[in-house]
Amino acid sequence: MDTAGLNDFIDNNDFSGVVLIRHGKRVIFESATGQASQRREEAITMDTRFDTASITKLFTSVAVLQQVAAGNLDLEASIHHYVDLAGTRIPIEVNLLNLLTHTSGIADDADEEAGEDYSELWASQPVQDFLETKDFLPLFVDKEPLADPGDEVAYINVGYILAGMALEKVTGMPYRQYIAEEVFAKAGMSESGFYDRREATRNVAEGWDQQQDGSWVSNEFSYPPIGSPDGGAHATAGDLVRFFEAVRGGVLLNKEYTEEFLLPQVELDEDTAYGFGLEFDLDNGEVRSYFSDGINAGASGILRHYVEADLDVVVLSNSEDGAWDIITEIDERLE
């Protein structure tokens, strides 16, 4: 990959965040720019941990597949078998495979396709009350399903809430504890974790978005303060690459489920497919790259692997719009 001029492009975009591009073990580009906080002087470094938003779904998927491999979860079993959903609108036919591959047909907590907005959802809720996985259930379980399970492919965040609850049921462990012990620790992700955004924590970037008048707004109360199965884990760029390495190297999953994790499961359209937390960029049916990206107030980023070039790319920003121009520029350089 030609990285000439990439630093200038990053500087010209007033980027706040990190970029890491690796070919195998070799770093071919890295950059850390901007401030980790608008309240205090703290420069972003390559050791800064960022809110990964929906990239967290990768960790949930791996955790569920670990328990499938252990015989404790069944991808084809009804989610009702693991989570008490009696009296709700969640169809009995919905299974873990549906939930992880966005084919459940259930309604999301905020239906963005219908014009609902997450900022409005959380503005109307006491976000500090959403600390455990089960706390999210009232936001969606009584909504009318959008489609029959398996009939349509539509990105649904809360499918991962239900998957996380199934994980908690069979392991007897809180979601965040399980991920810390069975995913982060095993992958060597020593700097990753779930950090409360209401607290100032060493090397954790605060999320800030600049308004049209030039003022800055913190994401401290923009959504629940601690990550959950569908988003919000914190990680460094290096740890995210370590995660991909651990998956591909069979450290986190056995051979069967390592292969399944790295394969498209359902096609959204001719250019895009979904897997277990991963999205696949297709070129004439062949996988050009696989990735997970995320966006939230004060957070944006991507973890991506380009197959032919054998490159791992991480872009993380502590603003909602910060990562996208950089992501697009890198992608265009690899076309």
C-alpha atoms as a PDB file:
ATOM      1  CA  MET A   1       0.000   0.000   0.000  1.00  0.00           C
ATOM      2  CA  ASP A   2       1.208   3.499  -0.865  1.00  0.00           C
ATOM      3  CA  THR A   3       1.101   5.591   2.314  1.00  0.00           C
ATOM      4  CA  ALA A   4       2.782   8.650   0.817  1.00  0.00           C
ATOM      5  CA  GLY A   5       0.944  11.804   1.776  1.00  0.00           C
ATOM      6  CA  LEU A   6      -1.346   9.987   4.220  1.00  0.00           C
ATOM      7  CA  ASN A   7      -0.011  11.983   7.172  1.00  0.00           C
ATOM      8  CA  ASP A   8      -0.776  15.203   5.299  1.00  0.00           C
ATOM      9  CA  PHE A   9      -4.293  13.982   4.538  1.00  0.00           C
ATOM     10  CA  ILE A  10      -4.852  13.192   8.222  1.00  0.00           C
ATOM     11  CA  ASP A  11      -3.517  16.583   9.300  1.00  0.00           C
ATOM     12  CA  ASN A  12      -5.686  18.423   6.769  1.00  0.00           C
ATOM     13  CA  ASN A  13      -8.775  16.686   8.166  1.00  0.00           C
ATOM     14  CA  ASP A  14      -8.107  17.859  11.751  1.00  0.00           C
ATOM     15  CA  PHE A  15      -8.353  14.214  12.717  1.00  0.00           C
ATOM     16  CA  SER A  16      -8.514  13.277  16.385  1.00  0.00           C
ATOM     17  CA  GLY A  17      -7.640   9.624  16.761  1.00  0.00           C
ATOM     18  CA  VAL A  18      -5.321   6.842  15.686  1.00  0.00           C
ATOM     19  CA  VAL A  19      -4.557   5.001  12.463  1.00  0.00           C
ATOM     20  CA  LEU A  20      -2.694   1.698  12.344  1.00  0.00           C
ATOM     21  CA  ILE A  21      -1.909  -0.305   9.198  1.00  0.00           C
ATOM     22  CA  ARG A  22      -0.049  -3.589   9.505  1.00  0.00           C
ATOM     23  CA  HIS A  23       1.157  -6.210   7.053  1.00  0.00           C
ATOM     24  CA  GLY A  24       1.572  -9.290   9.194  1.00  0.00           C
ATOM     25  CA  LYS A  25       3.724  -8.226  12.136  1.00  0.00           C
ATOM     26  CA  ARG A  26       5.161  -5.245  10.269  1.00  0.00           C
ATOM     27  CA  VAL A  27       3.719  -1.790  10.911  1.00  0.00           C
ATOM     28  CA  ILE A  28       3.661   0.078   7.611  1.00  0.00           C
ATOM     29  CA  PHE A  29       1.844   3.149   8.915  1.00  0.00           C
ATOM     30  CA  GLU A  30       0.729   4.573  12.232  1.00  0.00           C
ATOM     31  CA  SER A  31      -0.497   7.949  13.352  1.00  0.00           C
ATOM     32  CA  ALA A  32      -1.814   9.426  16.596  1.00  0.00           C
ATOM     33  CA  THR A  33      -3.172  12.965  16.505  1.00  0.00           C
ATOM     34  CA  GLY A  34      -5.523  15.193  18.470  1.00  0.00           C
ATOM     35  CA  GLN A  35      -6.626  15.406  22.067  1.00  0.00           C
ATOM     36  CA  ALA A  36      -7.990  12.659  24.280  1.00  0.00           C
ATOM     37  CA  SER A  37     -10.005  15.233  26.208  1.00  0.00           C
ATOM     38  CA  GLN A  38     -11.367  18.709  25.658  1.00  0.00           C
ATOM     39  CA  ARG A  39     -11.244  19.308  29.435  1.00  0.00           C
ATOM     40  CA  ARG A  40      -7.566  18.721  30.041  1.00  0.00           C
ATOM     41  CA  GLU A  41      -4.335  18.600  28.088  1.00  0.00           C
ATOM     42  CA  GLU A  42      -3.869  14.970  27.099  1.00  0.00           C
ATOM     43  CA  ALA A  43      -2.550  14.131  23.666  1.00  0.00           C
ATOM     44  CA  ILE A  44      -3.745  10.987  21.914  1.00  0.00           C
ATOM     45  CA  THR A  45      -1.046   8.317  21.538  1.00  0.00           C
ATOM     46  CA  MET A  46      -0.991   4.846  20.026  1.00  0.00           C
ATOM     47  CA  ASP A  47      -1.647   3.554  23.558  1.00  0.00           C
ATOM     48  CA  THR A  48      -4.905   5.489  23.897  1.00  0.00           C
ATOM     49  CA  ARG A  49      -8.021   3.367  24.342  1.00  0.00           C
ATOM     50  CA  PHE A  50     -11.130   4.328  22.359  1.00  0.00           C
ATOM     51  CA  ASP A  51     -14.806   3.495  22.556  1.00  0.00           C
ATOM     52  CA  THR A  52     -15.127   0.946  19.738  1.00  0.00           C
ATOM     53  CA  ALA A  53     -18.928   1.275  19.439  1.00  0.00           C
ATOM     54  CA  SER A  54     -20.330  -1.623  17.359  1.00  0.00           C
ATOM     55  CA  ILE A  55     -16.924  -3.234  16.819  1.00  0.00           C
ATOM     56  CA  THR A  56     -17.782  -4.762  20.205  1.00  0.00           C
ATOM     57  CA  LYS A  57     -20.175  -7.109  18.384  1.00  0.00           C
ATOM     58  CA  LEU A  58     -17.130  -9.081  17.225  1.00  0.00           C
ATOM     59  CA  PHE A  59     -16.268  -9.938  20.818  1.00  0.00           C
ATOM     60  CA  THR A  60     -19.854 -10.990  21.526  1.00  0.00           C
ATOM     61  CA  SER A  61     -19.931 -13.205  18.439  1.00  0.00           C
ATOM     62  CA  VAL A  62     -16.693 -14.950  19.357  1.00  0.00           C
ATOM     63  CA  ALA A  63     -17.916 -15.487  22.922  1.00  0.00           C
ATOM     64  CA  VAL A  64     -21.169 -17.047  21.710  1.00  0.00           C
ATOM     65  CA  LEU A  65     -19.328 -19.304  19.257  1.00  0.00           C
ATOM     66  CA  GLN A  66     -17.002 -20.406  22.058  1.00  0.00           C
ATOM     67  CA  GLN A  67     -20.030 -21.609  23.987  1.00  0.00           C
ATOM     68  CA  VAL A  68     -21.526 -23.214  20.888  1.00  0.00           C
ATOM     69  CA  ALA A  69     -18.290 -25.154  20.436  1.00  0.00           C
ATOM     70  CA  ALA A  70     -18.428 -26.160  24.104  1.00  0.00           C
ATOM     71  CA  GLY A  71     -21.944 -27.530  23.622  1.00  0.00           C
ATOM     72  CA  ASN A  72     -23.573 -25.007  25.936  1.00  0.00           C
ATOM     73  CA  LEU A  73     -25.318 -22.960  23.234  1.00  0.00           C
ATOM     74  CA  ASP A  74     -27.034 -24.040  20.037  1.00  0.00           C
ATOM     75  CA  LEU A  75     -27.174 -21.604  17.118  1.00  0.00           C
ATOM     76  CA  GLU A  76     -30.424 -23.199  15.907  1.00  0.00           C
ATOM     77  CA  ALA A  77     -32.213 -23.179  19.282  1.00  0.00           C
ATOM     78  CA  SER A  78     -34.861 -20.573  20.051  1.00  0.00           C
ATOM     79  CA  ILE A  79     -33.607 -17.599  22.021  1.00  0.00           C
ATOM     80  CA  HIS A  80     -36.550 -18.300  24.345  1.00  0.00           C
ATOM     81  CA  HIS A  81     -34.665 -21.412  25.447  1.00  0.00           C
ATOM     82  CA  TYR A  82     -31.981 -19.210  27.031  1.00  0.00           C
ATOM     83  CA  VAL A  83     -33.744 -15.931  27.847  1.00  0.00           C
ATOM     84  CA  ASP A  84     -37.109 -15.524  29.575  1.00  0.00           C
ATOM     85  CA  LEU A  85     -39.090 -13.687  26.924  1.00  0.00           C
ATOM     86  CA  ALA A  86     -42.559 -14.929  27.834  1.00  0.00           C
ATOM     87  CA  GLY A  87     -45.232 -12.358  27.051  1.00  0.00           C
ATOM     88  CA  THR A  88     -42.979 -10.355  24.719  1.00  0.00           C
ATOM     89  CA  ARG A  89     -43.195  -9.820  20.935  1.00  0.00           C
ATOM     90  CA  ILE A  90     -39.978 -11.742  20.270  1.00  0.00           C
ATOM     91  CA  PRO A  91     -41.045 -14.695  18.061  1.00  0.00           C
ATOM     92  CA  ILE A  92     -40.336 -18.177  19.359  1.00  0.00           C
ATOM     93  CA  GLU A  93     -38.687 -18.956  15.992  1.00  0.00           C
ATOM     94  CA  VAL A  94     -35.850 -16.451  16.521  1.00  0.00           C
ATOM     95  CA  ASN A  95     -32.574 -18.258  17.172  1.00  0.00           C
ATOM     96  CA  LEU A  96     -28.986 -17.240  17.910  1.00  0.00           C
ATOM     97  CA  LEU A  97     -27.973 -17.597  14.270  1.00  0.00           C
ATOM     98  CA  ASN A  98     -30.659 -15.046  13.345  1.00  0.00           C
ATOM     99  CA  LEU A  99     -29.537 -12.669  16.064  1.00  0.00           C
ATOM    100  CA  LEU A 100     -25.839 -12.767  15.168  1.00  0.00           C
ATOM    101  CA  THR A 101     -26.383 -12.466  11.391  1.00  0.00           C
ATOM    102  CA  HIS A 102     -29.071  -9.756  11.447  1.00  0.00           C
ATOM    103  CA  THR A 103     -31.839 -12.017  10.143  1.00  0.00           C
ATOM    104  CA  SER A 104     -34.047 -12.073  13.256  1.00  0.00           C
ATOM    105  CA  GLY A 105     -36.699  -9.676  11.955  1.00  0.00           C
ATOM    106  CA  ILE A 106     -37.120  -8.164  15.428  1.00  0.00           C
ATOM    107  CA  ALA A 107     -37.436  -4.416  15.929  1.00  0.00           C
ATOM    108  CA  ASP A 108     -34.436  -2.420  17.120  1.00  0.00           C
ATOM    109  CA  ASP A 109     -34.464  -0.146  20.156  1.00  0.00           C
ATOM    110  CA  ALA A 110     -34.297   2.774  17.714  1.00  0.00           C
ATOM    111  CA  ASP A 111     -35.499   2.045  14.182  1.00  0.00           C
ATOM    112  CA  GLU A 112     -33.311   4.391  12.173  1.00  0.00           C
ATOM    113  CA  GLU A 113     -34.878   3.245   8.892  1.00  0.00           C
ATOM    114  CA  ALA A 114     -38.228   4.500  10.216  1.00  0.00           C
ATOM    115  CA  GLY A 115     -36.740   7.836  11.263  1.00  0.00           C
ATOM    116  CA  GLU A 116     -36.164   7.055  14.935  1.00  0.00           C
ATOM    117  CA  ASP A 117     -32.991   8.504  16.377  1.00  0.00           C
ATOM    118  CA  TYR A 118     -30.654   7.220  19.072  1.00  0.00           C
ATOM    119  CA  SER A 119     -30.005  10.718  20.383  1.00  0.00           C
ATOM    120  CA  GLU A 120     -33.735  11.104  21.008  1.00  0.00           C
ATOM    121  CA  LEU A 121     -33.965   7.638  22.573  1.00  0.00           C
ATOM    122  CA  TRP A 122     -31.262   8.344  25.113  1.00  0.00           C
ATOM    123  CA  ALA A 123     -32.369  11.911  25.730  1.00  0.00           C
ATOM    124  CA  SER A 124     -35.647  10.460  27.013  1.00  0.00           C
ATOM    125  CA  GLN A 125     -34.041   7.790  29.215  1.00  0.00           C
ATOM    126  CA  PRO A 126     -31.991   7.938  32.434  1.00  0.00           C
ATOM    127  CA  VAL A 127     -28.893   6.440  30.820  1.00  0.00           C
ATOM    128  CA  GLN A 128     -27.319   5.605  34.174  1.00  0.00           C
ATOM    129  CA  ASP A 129     -30.070   2.990  34.674  1.00  0.00           C
ATOM    130  CA  PHE A 130     -28.779   0.873  31.773  1.00  0.00           C
ATOM    131  CA  LEU A 131     -25.790  -0.860  33.329  1.00  0.00           C
ATOM    132  CA  GLU A 132     -26.602  -4.564  32.933  1.00  0.00           C
ATOM    133  CA  THR A 133     -27.550  -6.467  29.801  1.00  0.00           C
ATOM    134  CA  LYS A 134     -31.101  -7.180  30.966  1.00  0.00           C
ATOM    135  CA  ASP A 135     -31.764  -3.468  31.506  1.00  0.00           C
ATOM    136  CA  PHE A 136     -32.099  -2.993  27.733  1.00  0.00           C
ATOM    137  CA  LEU A 137     -34.999  -5.438  27.264  1.00  0.00           C
ATOM    138  CA  PRO A 138     -37.856  -2.956  27.839  1.00  0.00           C
ATOM    139  CA  LEU A 139     -36.567  -0.834  24.949  1.00  0.00           C
ATOM    140  CA  PHE A 140     -37.483  -3.401  22.283  1.00  0.00           C
ATOM    141  CA  VAL A 141     -39.108  -6.671  23.390  1.00  0.00           C
ATOM    142  CA  ASP A 142     -42.677  -5.349  23.114  1.00  0.00           C
ATOM    143  CA  LYS A 143     -42.226  -3.853  19.646  1.00  0.00           C
ATOM    144  CA  GLU A 144     -43.925  -5.398  16.631  1.00  0.00           C
ATOM    145  CA  PRO A 145     -41.432  -7.533  14.632  1.00  0.00           C
ATOM    146  CA  LEU A 146     -40.422  -6.135  11.269  1.00  0.00           C
ATOM    147  CA  ALA A 147     -40.223  -9.469   9.434  1.00  0.00           C
ATOM    148  CA  ASP A 148     -40.390 -13.201   9.995  1.00  0.00           C
ATOM    149  CA  PRO A 149     -37.112 -14.719  11.241  1.00  0.00           C
ATOM    150  CA  GLY A 150     -34.804 -15.589   8.353  1.00  0.00           C
ATOM    151  CA  ASP A 151     -36.849 -13.743   5.710  1.00  0.00           C
ATOM    152  CA  GLU A 152     -34.927 -10.480   5.561  1.00  0.00           C
ATOM    153  CA  VAL A 153     -31.446  -9.151   6.325  1.00  0.00           C
ATOM    154  CA  ALA A 154     -31.478  -5.941   8.362  1.00  0.00           C
ATOM    155  CA  TYR A 155     -28.876  -4.632  10.799  1.00  0.00           C
ATOM    156  CA  ILE A 156     -30.384  -4.876  14.300  1.00  0.00           C
ATOM    157  CA  ASN A 157     -28.292  -3.829  17.286  1.00  0.00           C
ATOM    158  CA  VAL A 158     -30.419  -5.421  19.984  1.00  0.00           C
ATOM    159  CA  GLY A 159     -30.040  -8.893  18.564  1.00  0.00           C
ATOM    160  CA  TYR A 160     -26.671  -8.779  20.290  1.00  0.00           C
ATOM    161  CA  ILE A 161     -28.296  -7.829  23.587  1.00  0.00           C
ATOM    162  CA  LEU A 162     -30.283 -11.073  23.460  1.00  0.00           C
ATOM    163  CA  ALA A 163     -27.189 -13.029  22.406  1.00  0.00           C
ATOM    164  CA  GLY A 164     -25.312 -11.522  25.342  1.00  0.00           C
ATOM    165  CA  MET A 165     -28.068 -12.585  27.711  1.00  0.00           C
ATOM    166  CA  ALA A 166     -27.906 -16.138  26.375  1.00  0.00           C
ATOM    167  CA  LEU A 167     -24.160 -16.078  27.017  1.00  0.00           C
ATOM    168  CA  GLU A 168     -24.731 -14.912  30.590  1.00  0.00           C
ATOM    169  CA  LYS A 169     -27.325 -17.650  31.146  1.00  0.00           C
ATOM    170  CA  VAL A 170     -25.111 -20.581  30.182  1.00  0.00           C
ATOM    171  CA  THR A 171     -21.871 -19.289  31.695  1.00  0.00           C
ATOM    172  CA  GLY A 172     -23.278 -17.846  34.912  1.00  0.00           C
ATOM    173  CA  MET A 173     -20.999 -14.835  34.360  1.00  0.00           C
ATOM    174  CA  PRO A 174     -21.766 -11.188  33.663  1.00  0.00           C
ATOM    175  CA  TYR A 175     -21.158 -10.366  30.005  1.00  0.00           C
ATOM    176  CA  ARG A 176     -18.267  -7.969  30.605  1.00  0.00           C
ATOM    177  CA  GLN A 177     -16.463 -10.401  32.912  1.00  0.00           C
ATOM    178  CA  TYR A 178     -16.719 -13.199  30.375  1.00  0.00           C
ATOM    179  CA  ILE A 179     -15.352 -11.040  27.548  1.00  0.00           C
ATOM    180  CA  ALA A 180     -12.492  -9.831  29.745  1.00  0.00           C
ATOM    181  CA  GLU A 181     -11.454 -13.357  30.732  1.00  0.00           C
ATOM    182  CA  GLU A 182     -12.257 -15.432  27.656  1.00  0.00           C
ATOM    183  CA  VAL A 183     -11.697 -12.976  24.812  1.00  0.00           C
ATOM    184  CA  PHE A 184      -9.472 -10.068  25.834  1.00  0.00           C
ATOM    185  CA  ALA A 185      -7.114 -12.044  28.075  1.00  0.00           C
ATOM    186  CA  LYS A 186      -6.769 -14.988  25.687  1.00  0.00           C
ATOM    187  CA  ALA A 187      -6.135 -12.690  22.717  1.00  0.00           C
ATOM    188  CA  GLY A 188      -3.465 -10.739  24.572  1.00  0.00           C
ATOM    189  CA  MET A 189      -5.598  -7.589  24.530  1.00  0.00           C
ATOM    190  CA  SER A 190      -4.121  -6.339  27.770  1.00  0.00           C
ATOM    191  CA  GLU A 191      -5.236  -2.726  27.330  1.00  0.00           C
ATOM    192  CA  SER A 192      -8.871  -3.449  26.464  1.00  0.00           C
ATOM    193  CA  GLY A 193     -11.857  -3.322  28.770  1.00  0.00           C
ATOM    194  CA  PHE A 194     -15.187  -1.733  29.591  1.00  0.00           C
ATOM    195  CA  TYR A 195     -14.677   1.679  31.144  1.00  0.00           C
ATOM    196  CA  ASP A 196     -17.298   3.950  32.677  1.00  0.00           C
ATOM    197  CA  ARG A 197     -17.390   7.167  30.652  1.00  0.00           C
ATOM    198  CA  ARG A 198     -18.451   9.080  33.765  1.00  0.00           C
ATOM    199  CA  GLU A 199     -15.005   8.456  35.221  1.00  0.00           C
ATOM    200  CA  ALA A 200     -11.629   9.763  34.092  1.00  0.00           C
ATOM    201  CA  THR A 201      -9.509   6.699  33.331  1.00  0.00           C
ATOM    202  CA  ARG A 202      -5.879   6.631  32.270  1.00  0.00           C
ATOM    203  CA  ASN A 203      -5.375   6.369  28.519  1.00  0.00           C
ATOM    204  CA  VAL A 204      -9.099   6.359  27.731  1.00  0.00           C
ATOM    205  CA  ALA A 205     -10.169   8.950  25.172  1.00  0.00           C
ATOM    206  CA  GLU A 206     -13.232  10.999  26.026  1.00  0.00           C
ATOM    207  CA  GLY A 207     -15.827  11.397  23.295  1.00  0.00           C
ATOM    208  CA  TRP A 208     -16.489  14.933  22.069  1.00  0.00           C
ATOM    209  CA  ASP A 209     -18.375  16.291  19.053  1.00  0.00           C
ATOM    210  CA  GLN A 210     -17.948  19.830  17.765  1.00  0.00           C
ATOM    211  CA  GLN A 211     -21.090  21.818  17.023  1.00  0.00           C
ATOM    212  CA  GLN A 212     -21.622  24.273  14.169  1.00  0.00           C
ATOM    213  CA  ASP A 213     -20.970  27.205  16.502  1.00  0.00           C
ATOM    214  CA  GLY A 214     -17.558  25.752  17.399  1.00  0.00           C
ATOM    215  CA  SER A 215     -18.531  24.547  20.879  1.00  0.00           C
ATOM    216  CA  TRP A 216     -17.836  20.998  22.048  1.00  0.00           C
ATOM    217  CA  VAL A 217     -20.360  18.541  23.489  1.00  0.00           C
ATOM    218  CA  SER A 218     -19.276  15.562  25.587  1.00  0.00           C
ATOM    219  CA  ASN A 219     -20.858  12.136  25.041  1.00  0.00           C
ATOM    220  CA  GLU A 220     -20.813  11.441  28.776  1.00  0.00           C
ATOM    221  CA  PHE A 221     -24.614  11.211  28.957  1.00  0.00           C
ATOM    222  CA  SER A 222     -25.360  10.505  25.295  1.00  0.00           C
ATOM    223  CA  TYR A 223     -25.920   6.776  25.864  1.00  0.00           C
ATOM    224  CA  PRO A 224     -25.381   4.232  28.675  1.00  0.00           C
ATOM    225  CA  PRO A 225     -22.053   4.811  30.413  1.00  0.00           C
ATOM    226  CA  ILE A 226     -20.615   1.286  30.194  1.00  0.00           C
ATOM    227  CA  GLY A 227     -20.430  -0.984  27.164  1.00  0.00           C
ATOM    228  CA  SER A 228     -22.837  -3.837  26.493  1.00  0.00           C
ATOM    229  CA  PRO A 229     -22.959  -6.787  24.048  1.00  0.00           C
ATOM    230  CA  ASP A 230     -23.906  -4.556  21.114  1.00  0.00           C
ATOM    231  CA  GLY A 231     -21.313  -1.816  21.637  1.00  0.00           C
ATOM    232  CA  GLY A 232     -19.070   0.258  23.844  1.00  0.00           C
ATOM    233  CA  ALA A 233     -15.973  -1.775  24.689  1.00  0.00           C
ATOM    234  CA  HIS A 234     -12.726   0.206  24.807  1.00  0.00           C
ATOM    235  CA  ALA A 235      -9.571  -0.909  23.018  1.00  0.00           C
ATOM    236  CA  THR A 236      -6.312   0.343  21.572  1.00  0.00           C
ATOM    237  CA  ALA A 237      -5.606   0.012  17.870  1.00  0.00           C
ATOM    238  CA  GLY A 238      -2.919  -2.556  18.621  1.00  0.00           C
ATOM    239  CA  ASP A 239      -5.301  -4.672  20.683  1.00  0.00           C
ATOM    240  CA  LEU A 240      -7.832  -4.749  17.860  1.00  0.00           C
ATOM    241  CA  VAL A 241      -5.202  -6.135  15.507  1.00  0.00           C
ATOM    242  CA  ARG A 242      -4.284  -8.681  18.192  1.00  0.00           C
ATOM    243  CA  PHE A 243      -7.939  -9.749  18.217  1.00  0.00           C
ATOM    244  CA  PHE A 244      -7.899 -10.465  14.484  1.00  0.00           C
ATOM    245  CA  GLU A 245      -4.596 -12.300  14.851  1.00  0.00           C
ATOM    246  CA  ALA A 246      -6.010 -14.421  17.681  1.00  0.00           C
ATOM    247  CA  VAL A 247      -9.091 -15.306  15.641  1.00  0.00           C
ATOM    248  CA  ARG A 248      -7.152 -16.213  12.508  1.00  0.00           C
ATOM    249  CA  GLY A 249      -4.597 -18.129  14.565  1.00  0.00           C
ATOM    250  CA  GLY A 250      -7.199 -20.336  16.231  1.00  0.00           C
ATOM    251  CA  VAL A 251      -6.498 -18.934  19.688  1.00  0.00           C
ATOM    252  CA  LEU A 252     -10.107 -17.953  20.432  1.00  0.00           C
ATOM    253  CA  LEU A 253     -12.098 -20.537  18.463  1.00  0.00           C
ATOM    254  CA  ASN A 254     -11.602 -24.102  17.323  1.00  0.00           C
ATOM    255  CA  LYS A 255     -10.916 -24.847  13.665  1.00  0.00           C
ATOM    256  CA  GLU A 256     -14.566 -25.302  12.692  1.00  0.00           C
ATOM    257  CA  TYR A 257     -15.786 -22.054  14.169  1.00  0.00           C
ATOM    258  CA  THR A 258     -12.705 -20.089  13.162  1.00  0.00           C
ATOM    259  CA  GLU A 259     -13.581 -20.958   9.581  1.00  0.00           C
ATOM    260  CA  GLU A 260     -17.263 -20.125  10.105  1.00  0.00           C
ATOM    261  CA  PHE A 261     -16.416 -16.786  11.719  1.00  0.00           C
ATOM    262  CA  LEU A 262     -14.346 -15.749   8.707  1.00  0.00           C
ATOM    263  CA  LEU A 263     -17.008 -16.724   6.146  1.00  0.00           C
ATOM    264  CA  PRO A 264     -19.988 -14.657   4.936  1.00  0.00           C
ATOM    265  CA  GLN A 265     -23.222 -16.105   6.294  1.00  0.00           C
ATOM    266  CA  VAL A 266     -25.956 -14.037   4.596  1.00  0.00           C
ATOM    267  CA  GLU A 267     -25.900 -11.599   1.685  1.00  0.00           C
ATOM    268  CA  LEU A 268     -27.320  -8.116   2.162  1.00  0.00           C
ATOM    269  CA  ASP A 269     -26.799  -7.271  -1.505  1.00  0.00           C
ATOM    270  CA  GLU A 270     -24.326  -8.131  -4.276  1.00  0.00           C
ATOM    271  CA  ASP A 271     -21.612  -6.012  -2.631  1.00  0.00           C
ATOM    272  CA  THR A 272     -22.112  -6.776   1.070  1.00  0.00           C
ATOM    273  CA  ALA A 273     -22.621  -9.810   3.277  1.00  0.00           C
ATOM    274  CA  TYR A 274     -22.943 -10.281   7.029  1.00  0.00           C
ATOM    275  CA  GLY A 275     -21.227 -12.861   9.152  1.00  0.00           C
ATOM    276  CA  PHE A 276     -20.899 -13.281  12.907  1.00  0.00           C
ATOM    277  CA  GLY A 277     -20.373  -9.616  13.745  1.00  0.00           C
ATOM    278  CA  LEU A 278     -18.318  -9.105  10.600  1.00  0.00           C
ATOM    279  CA  GLU A 279     -19.323  -7.397   7.381  1.00  0.00           C
ATOM    280  CA  PHE A 280     -17.835  -8.601   4.103  1.00  0.00           C
ATOM    281  CA  ASP A 281     -17.010  -6.319   1.199  1.00  0.00           C
ATOM    282  CA  LEU A 282     -17.611  -8.418  -1.927  1.00  0.00           C
ATOM    283  CA  ASP A 283     -16.126  -8.016  -5.395  1.00  0.00           C
ATOM    284  CA  ASN A 284     -17.813 -10.280  -7.959  1.00  0.00           C
ATOM    285  CA  GLY A 285     -18.656 -12.690  -5.167  1.00  0.00           C
ATOM    286  CA  GLU A 286     -15.136 -12.789  -3.749  1.00  0.00           C
ATOM    287  CA  VAL A 287     -14.303 -11.313  -0.359  1.00  0.00           C
ATOM    288  CA  ARG A 288     -12.263  -8.141  -0.862  1.00  0.00           C
ATOM    289  CA  SER A 289     -12.206  -7.286   2.853  1.00  0.00           C
ATOM    290  CA  TYR A 290     -13.916  -8.158   6.093  1.00  0.00           C
ATOM    291  CA  PHE A 291     -14.521  -5.617   8.806  1.00  0.00           C
ATOM    292  CA  SER A 292     -16.556  -4.229  11.642  1.00  0.00           C
ATOM    293  CA  ASP A 293     -17.163  -0.533  12.035  1.00  0.00           C
ATOM    294  CA  GLY A 294     -18.933   1.530  14.639  1.00  0.00           C
ATOM    295  CA  ILE A 295     -20.424   4.927  15.231  1.00  0.00           C
ATOM    296  CA  ASN A 296     -21.896   6.668  18.219  1.00  0.00           C
ATOM    297  CA  ALA A 297     -21.877  10.114  19.750  1.00  0.00           C
ATOM    298  CA  GLY A 298     -18.195  10.828  20.365  1.00  0.00           C
ATOM    299  CA  ALA A 299     -16.977   7.606  18.759  1.00  0.00           C
ATOM    300  CA  SER A 300     -16.276   6.211  15.291  1.00  0.00           C
ATOM    301  CA  GLY A 301     -13.937   3.643  13.840  1.00  0.00           C
ATOM    302  CA  ILE A 302     -13.218   0.457  11.940  1.00  0.00           C
ATOM    303  CA  LEU A 303     -11.261  -2.782  12.232  1.00  0.00           C
ATOM    304  CA  ARG A 304     -10.660  -4.172   8.741  1.00  0.00           C
ATOM    305  CA  HIS A 305      -8.643  -6.847   6.965  1.00  0.00           C
ATOM    306  CA  TYR A 306      -7.900  -6.598   3.243  1.00  0.00           C
ATOM    307  CA  VAL A 307      -7.563 -10.158   1.992  1.00  0.00           C
ATOM    308  CA  GLU A 308      -5.434  -9.819  -1.150  1.00  0.00           C
ATOM    309  CA  ALA A 309      -3.103  -7.201   0.328  1.00  0.00           C
ATOM    310  CA  ASP A 310      -3.000  -9.051   3.682  1.00  0.00           C
ATOM    311  CA  LEU A 311      -3.357  -5.783   5.559  1.00  0.00           C
ATOM    312  CA  ASP A 312      -5.002  -5.089   8.911  1.00  0.00           C
ATOM    313  CA  VAL A 313      -6.319  -1.540   9.212  1.00  0.00           C
ATOM    314  CA  VAL A 314      -7.587   0.206  12.332  1.00  0.00           C
ATOM    315  CA  VAL A 315      -8.976   3.727  12.453  1.00  0.00           C
ATOM    316  CA  LEU A 316     -10.383   5.002  15.759  1.00  0.00           C
ATOM    317  CA  SER A 317     -11.627   8.481  16.610  1.00  0.00           C
ATOM    318  CA  ASN A 318     -13.168  10.125  19.655  1.00  0.00           C
ATOM    319  CA  SER A 319     -15.731  11.996  17.575  1.00  0.00           C
ATOM    320  CA  GLU A 320     -18.794  10.760  15.710  1.00  0.00           C
ATOM    321  CA  ASP A 321     -17.643  11.979  12.301  1.00  0.00           C
ATOM    322  CA  GLY A 322     -13.885  11.750  12.775  1.00  0.00           C
ATOM    323  CA  ALA A 323     -13.013   8.374  11.290  1.00  0.00           C
ATOM    324  CA  TRP A 324     -14.937   8.262   8.032  1.00  0.00           C
ATOM    325  CA  ASP A 325     -12.834  10.439   5.709  1.00  0.00           C
ATOM    326  CA  ILE A 326      -9.709   8.587   6.805  1.00  0.00           C
ATOM    327  CA  ILE A 327     -11.371   5.198   6.325  1.00  0.00           C
ATOM    328  CA  THR A 328     -12.526   6.183   2.834  1.00  0.00           C
ATOM    329  CA  GLU A 329      -9.091   7.505   1.841  1.00  0.00           C
ATOM    330  CA  ILE A 330      -7.355   4.286   2.906  1.00  0.00           C
ATOM    331  CA  ASP A 331      -9.931   2.157   1.123  1.00  0.00           C
ATOM    332  CA  GLU A 332      -9.580   4.117  -2.104  1.00  0.00           C
ATOM    333  CA  ARG A 333      -5.803   3.680  -2.005  1.00  0.00           C
ATOM    334  CA  LEU A 334      -6.328  -0.087  -1.976  1.00  0.00           C
ATOM    335  CA  GLU A 335      -8.747  -0.260  -4.900  1.00  0.00           C
END
